[in-house]
Amino acid sequence: MLNLRETPTVSRTPGMQAFRLLISSRDPEALHRLQASSQRLPGLQVTTRLVSNGHTDPLYGLEQMPDFLLLRVSHLWREELAALLLRPAHERPPLLVCGPLDEREGMRLAMQAGARDFLPEPVVAEELLAALGRMLMDVRGSSGSSGKLIAVMNAKGGSGATLLACNLAQQLSSQGGSTLLLDLDLQFGSVAHYLDVHPSHSHLDVLQQIDELDSVALRGFCSHFSPTLHVLGGRSNELCLSQDVRLEQLEALLRLARSTYDFVVVDLPRQIDHLTGTTLEQADRVYILLQQSLSHLKDATRLVRILRDDLGVQGNRLQVVVNRYNKSAPVSLRDITEALRGAGLQKLPNDYAVVSESQNTGVPLELHAPRAPVTLAMRELCQELLGTEAATKGLLKRTFGRLFGG
């Protein structure tokens, strides 16, 4: 008799589709390790299947097929892979294989069964997450699902848009799903420096070839900060002008990016042209950064008016963020709210030393200083964007205590 034990674990983001991953193994310890690693990838509903005897088909008797199968083969690897091969190709989900099998014959059978990748043991968690991430992106790209487009822009130079874009992208990639951080400051973009990545390709390379690219090619052009956070920007030795990029190229890039990633975070330059205008019009959320001075407030008022009246950005898509907030500043939050006619308002505390260290080292705030006030504020922004209901102060404190040992 077939003896199975199935245990579901959900890593789900509100409002987003969770794909079903089945991990099948005859080794309970290996099953536990693979489950622990897989759960770290957002957007997966992880179910484990411990097979102790009986049928060798890892999909035998399932009422609903998973979206992905991670098979840890046993000493019966020939029979297990052969059982998958007996199924029609359209009934076999995308497959990852690991475990003890003969390299030559086993790899051949795994490929015939439709394996996208084989992970040698001991399985490295980062390699597993990368392989699962590639499968998620392939499925989302082929299904035509559309990720959220987030635009970030300064009301006045130096207000902190790049700081917010980089840290928001990093938090979304760890909590919400696969994320592309796109730097559209064609001449002085700095997101690569903020995350300490060294691009071998630029956004100009991608834009010039966009009609020939698919999701796999787009990911190949990007720098990879992590399996779920990719970065696309310019190279420091390359001069690119906005007139070098056609509107149709940017529109095609945004469509491809949204079909490939759950989130596309765009760091925009402080200007209105055909590139920024198109991005702002299509964005699901627009963040405008300012600081508490009269000159910042005047520029923010003008920019918000342009967004609302000229570009048609609806109020529920517009979010104003006061960076380096100081309650003693002469320009108060009330002044800003009144001047901006009730636009959504959030704030980031003045945490200059922590932010400076994060930028200089290329380590995002969540990894550099997870308990810093500015990091907690960034986390709240991320949770609000993901649609999580606001928690009470007591619940928030208890949650942080559990997560960070406070």
Foldseek 3Di string as FASTA:
>chain_A
DKDKDKDKDAQEFPPDAAFEEEEEDQDVVLQVVLVVLVSQAHRYTYMYIHTNDDALARCPPDPDDGQEYEYADDPCLVRHLVNLLVDPLVRQHAYEYEYDDDVPVSVVSCVSSRHPYYAYPPGDSQVSLLVVLVSVLVVLLVVLAFAAEEEFEELDPPLQRLLLLLQLQVLCLRRPHAEEEEEPPQQDDDNCLLQVWAFPAAVLVCLVCVVPDALVVVQVRWTDSGSRYTYHHHHNVDHDDPVSGDLVSLVSVNSRRRSRINYYYYYDYHDDDSNVLVSLLRHQAYEYGFEQDPVSLVSVLVVLCCSCPVSNRDLVRYEYEHEQDDCPRPRHPVNSCVSNVNRHYYYAHRPPVLSVVSSNVSHRCCVRPVPDRRNVSSVVVSCVVSPHDDDDPVVVVVVCCVVPVD
